[in-house]
Protein backbone atom coordinates (compact mmCIF):
# COMPACT_ATOMS: atom_id res chain seq x y z
CA MET A 1 0.00 0.00 0.00
CA GLY A 2 1.64 3.26 -1.07
CA THR A 3 1.14 5.77 1.69
CA ASP A 4 2.97 8.45 3.58
CA ILE A 5 1.06 7.89 6.83
CA ASN A 6 3.47 7.51 9.75
CA LEU A 7 1.68 5.72 12.57
CA LEU A 8 4.54 6.59 14.93
CA ALA A 9 3.49 10.24 14.55
CA ILE A 10 0.01 9.61 15.97
CA ARG A 11 -1.23 12.54 18.01
CA GLN A 12 -1.90 12.09 21.71
CA HIS A 13 -5.21 10.88 23.05
CA GLY A 14 -5.95 10.61 26.74
CA GLY A 15 -2.58 12.19 27.48
CA SER A 16 -0.25 9.97 25.46
CA GLN A 17 0.58 8.48 22.10
CA GLN A 18 0.41 5.02 23.71
CA ASN A 19 -3.24 5.64 24.66
CA ALA A 20 -3.93 6.89 21.14
CA TRP A 21 -2.31 3.81 19.62
CA GLU A 22 -4.33 1.49 21.86
CA GLU A 23 -7.56 3.19 20.83
CA LEU A 24 -6.68 3.21 17.12
CA ALA A 25 -5.70 -0.47 17.27
CA TYR A 26 -9.05 -1.31 18.84
CA GLN A 27 -10.99 0.74 16.29
CA ALA A 28 -9.11 -0.98 13.43
CA ARG A 29 -9.41 -4.46 14.93
CA PRO A 30 -9.66 -7.30 12.44
CA ARG A 31 -12.89 -9.02 11.56
CA VAL A 32 -13.82 -11.89 13.85
CA GLY A 33 -14.36 -15.53 12.98
CA ASP A 34 -17.35 -17.83 13.11
CA GLY A 35 -18.78 -18.42 16.57
CA HIS A 36 -17.79 -14.96 17.83
CA VAL A 37 -19.85 -13.86 20.84
CA GLU A 38 -18.42 -10.50 21.91
CA ALA A 39 -15.42 -8.19 22.18
CA ARG A 40 -14.32 -7.13 25.65
CA LYS A 41 -12.12 -4.06 25.95
CA THR A 42 -9.95 -3.87 29.07
CA ARG A 43 -8.25 -1.13 31.07
CA ALA A 44 -5.16 -1.22 33.27
CA PRO A 45 -4.39 -3.56 34.78
CA ASP A 46 -5.30 -5.51 31.66
CA ALA A 47 -3.94 -9.02 32.38
CA GLY A 48 -1.87 -8.91 29.20
CA VAL A 49 -4.42 -7.74 26.61
CA GLU A 50 -6.02 -4.46 25.45
CA TRP A 51 -9.09 -6.37 24.32
CA TYR A 52 -10.14 -9.91 23.67
CA GLU A 53 -12.64 -11.67 21.49
CA VAL A 54 -14.82 -14.34 23.12
CA TYR A 55 -16.07 -17.30 21.09
CA ALA A 56 -19.04 -19.62 21.71
CA ASP A 57 -16.77 -22.64 22.21
CA GLY A 58 -15.13 -20.81 25.14
CA HIS A 59 -11.80 -19.91 23.58
CA VAL A 60 -10.47 -16.36 23.71
CA GLU A 61 -8.30 -14.45 21.25
CA GLY A 62 -6.40 -11.54 22.81
CA PHE A 63 -4.87 -8.39 21.35
CA GLN A 64 -2.15 -6.17 22.79
CA ALA A 65 -1.13 -2.83 21.26
CA LYS A 66 2.51 -1.86 21.76
CA PHE A 67 3.60 1.65 20.84
CA HIS A 68 7.38 1.55 20.45
CA SER A 69 9.57 2.77 17.61
CA SER A 70 11.08 -0.67 17.03
CA LEU A 71 10.55 -4.33 17.78
CA ALA A 72 13.79 -4.40 19.77
CA ASP A 73 12.31 -1.76 22.10
CA ALA A 74 8.96 -3.56 22.35
CA LEU A 75 10.14 -7.10 23.13
CA GLY A 76 10.51 -6.61 26.90
CA GLY A 77 6.94 -5.32 27.25
CA MET A 78 5.69 -8.03 24.92
CA ARG A 79 7.25 -10.69 27.15
CA GLU A 80 5.51 -9.14 30.19
CA SER A 81 2.18 -9.24 28.32
CA VAL A 82 2.70 -12.88 27.33
CA THR A 83 3.58 -13.83 30.91
CA SER A 84 0.52 -12.06 32.31
CA ALA A 85 -1.91 -13.27 29.65
CA CYS A 86 -0.79 -16.89 29.90
CA ALA A 87 -1.03 -16.84 33.69
CA LYS A 88 -4.40 -15.11 33.92
CA ARG A 89 -6.30 -16.22 30.80
CA SER A 90 -6.47 -20.01 30.69
CA THR A 91 -8.79 -20.03 27.64
CA LEU A 92 -6.48 -17.81 25.55
CA THR A 93 -5.60 -19.55 22.29
CA ARG A 94 -4.14 -16.63 20.31
CA LEU A 95 -2.35 -13.41 21.26
CA THR A 96 -1.85 -10.79 18.56
CA PHE A 97 0.45 -7.81 19.02
CA VAL A 98 -0.52 -4.66 17.13
CA LEU A 99 2.57 -2.62 16.17
CA PRO A 100 2.90 0.78 14.41
CA TYR A 101 5.65 -0.29 11.99
CA ASP A 102 6.40 -3.10 9.59
CA PHE A 103 9.15 -5.64 10.25
CA THR A 104 12.53 -5.54 8.61
CA ASP A 105 13.39 -8.72 6.77
CA THR A 106 16.87 -8.46 5.28
CA GLY A 107 16.99 -11.98 3.93
CA ASP A 108 20.78 -11.78 3.73
CA GLY A 109 21.58 -13.60 6.98
CA LYS A 110 24.23 -11.01 7.89
CA ARG A 111 22.03 -8.94 10.18
CA LYS A 112 19.24 -9.99 12.50
CA SER A 113 15.96 -8.77 11.03
CA ASP A 114 12.80 -7.95 12.97
CA GLN A 115 11.26 -11.09 11.51
CA ASP A 116 14.14 -13.13 12.97
CA ARG A 117 13.80 -11.35 16.34
CA TRP A 118 10.05 -12.08 16.37
CA THR A 119 10.54 -15.75 15.50
CA ASP A 120 13.22 -16.12 18.19
CA ALA A 121 11.07 -14.33 20.81
CA VAL A 122 8.07 -16.57 20.15
CA GLU A 123 10.22 -19.68 20.41
CA THR A 124 11.70 -18.44 23.72
CA TRP A 125 8.26 -17.57 25.14
CA LYS A 126 6.89 -21.00 24.26
CA GLU A 127 9.85 -22.68 25.99
CA SER A 128 10.14 -20.47 29.08
CA ILE A 129 6.71 -19.02 29.96
CA PRO A 130 4.17 -21.39 31.52
CA GLY A 131 1.14 -21.74 29.25
CA ALA A 132 2.72 -20.01 26.25
CA ASP A 133 3.10 -23.32 24.43
CA ARG A 134 -0.72 -23.48 24.03
CA VAL A 135 -0.95 -19.97 22.49
CA GLU A 136 -0.53 -18.95 18.86
CA PHE A 137 1.31 -15.63 18.56
CA ARG A 138 0.66 -13.22 15.71
CA THR A 139 1.29 -9.64 14.72
CA LEU A 140 -0.70 -6.91 13.02
CA LEU A 141 1.82 -4.49 11.58
CA ALA A 142 1.54 -0.95 10.19
CA GLY A 143 0.53 -2.13 6.72
CA ASP A 144 -2.20 -4.33 8.20
CA VAL A 145 -3.58 -1.46 10.31
CA LEU A 146 -3.50 0.98 7.40
CA GLY A 147 -5.23 -1.59 5.19
CA GLU A 148 -7.98 -2.02 7.76
CA LEU A 149 -8.40 1.76 8.14
CA ALA A 150 -8.77 2.08 4.35
CA ARG A 151 -11.89 -0.13 4.37
CA ASP A 152 -15.15 1.61 3.47
CA GLN A 153 -16.58 1.17 6.98
CA HIS A 154 -14.02 3.68 8.28
CA ALA A 155 -14.74 6.39 5.68
CA GLY A 156 -15.63 9.73 7.21
CA ILE A 157 -14.67 8.85 10.80
CA GLU A 158 -13.21 11.81 12.61
CA ASP A 159 -12.29 12.78 16.12
CA GLN A 160 -15.55 13.98 17.68
CA SER A 161 -13.76 15.33 20.77
CA ARG A 162 -12.58 18.32 18.74
CA HIS A 163 -16.18 19.27 18.07
CA GLY A 164 -17.44 18.95 21.63
CA SER A 165 -19.36 15.74 20.90
CA ALA A 166 -19.01 12.53 22.84
């Protein structure tokens, strides 16, 4: 998608860019699968997820927005989220991290790419965090978020707080 939108330049909401990113990630959340019952948005403390999708069969799919300028900066907080979510959400089957950038993927083997860092982190979590071996880990990256925001259902949405509306 050719665009000059920089998600890292998001303006503050609720006092911070992190809050703005969490809200934008929720608004641009992906479509749900068959058997979906409801979405539940959380607030701090969030037990490892910003929101989660509940399904009729009892499984839960969680989402965590991380607003950092790079994957290297985000990995520590991601590990904390995985630890918390796996300990407190026994029906969690998938945890998706929503990030405001796309991964590097050099493909040359000389430098460690973001894709390599992600793959290594997931492997480490599954081996070292109780319960992580039962969870599928995914990412929604900048291109995914921008693609979702470009869908017709988002046309014309604007920040109502600037106009005094709720």
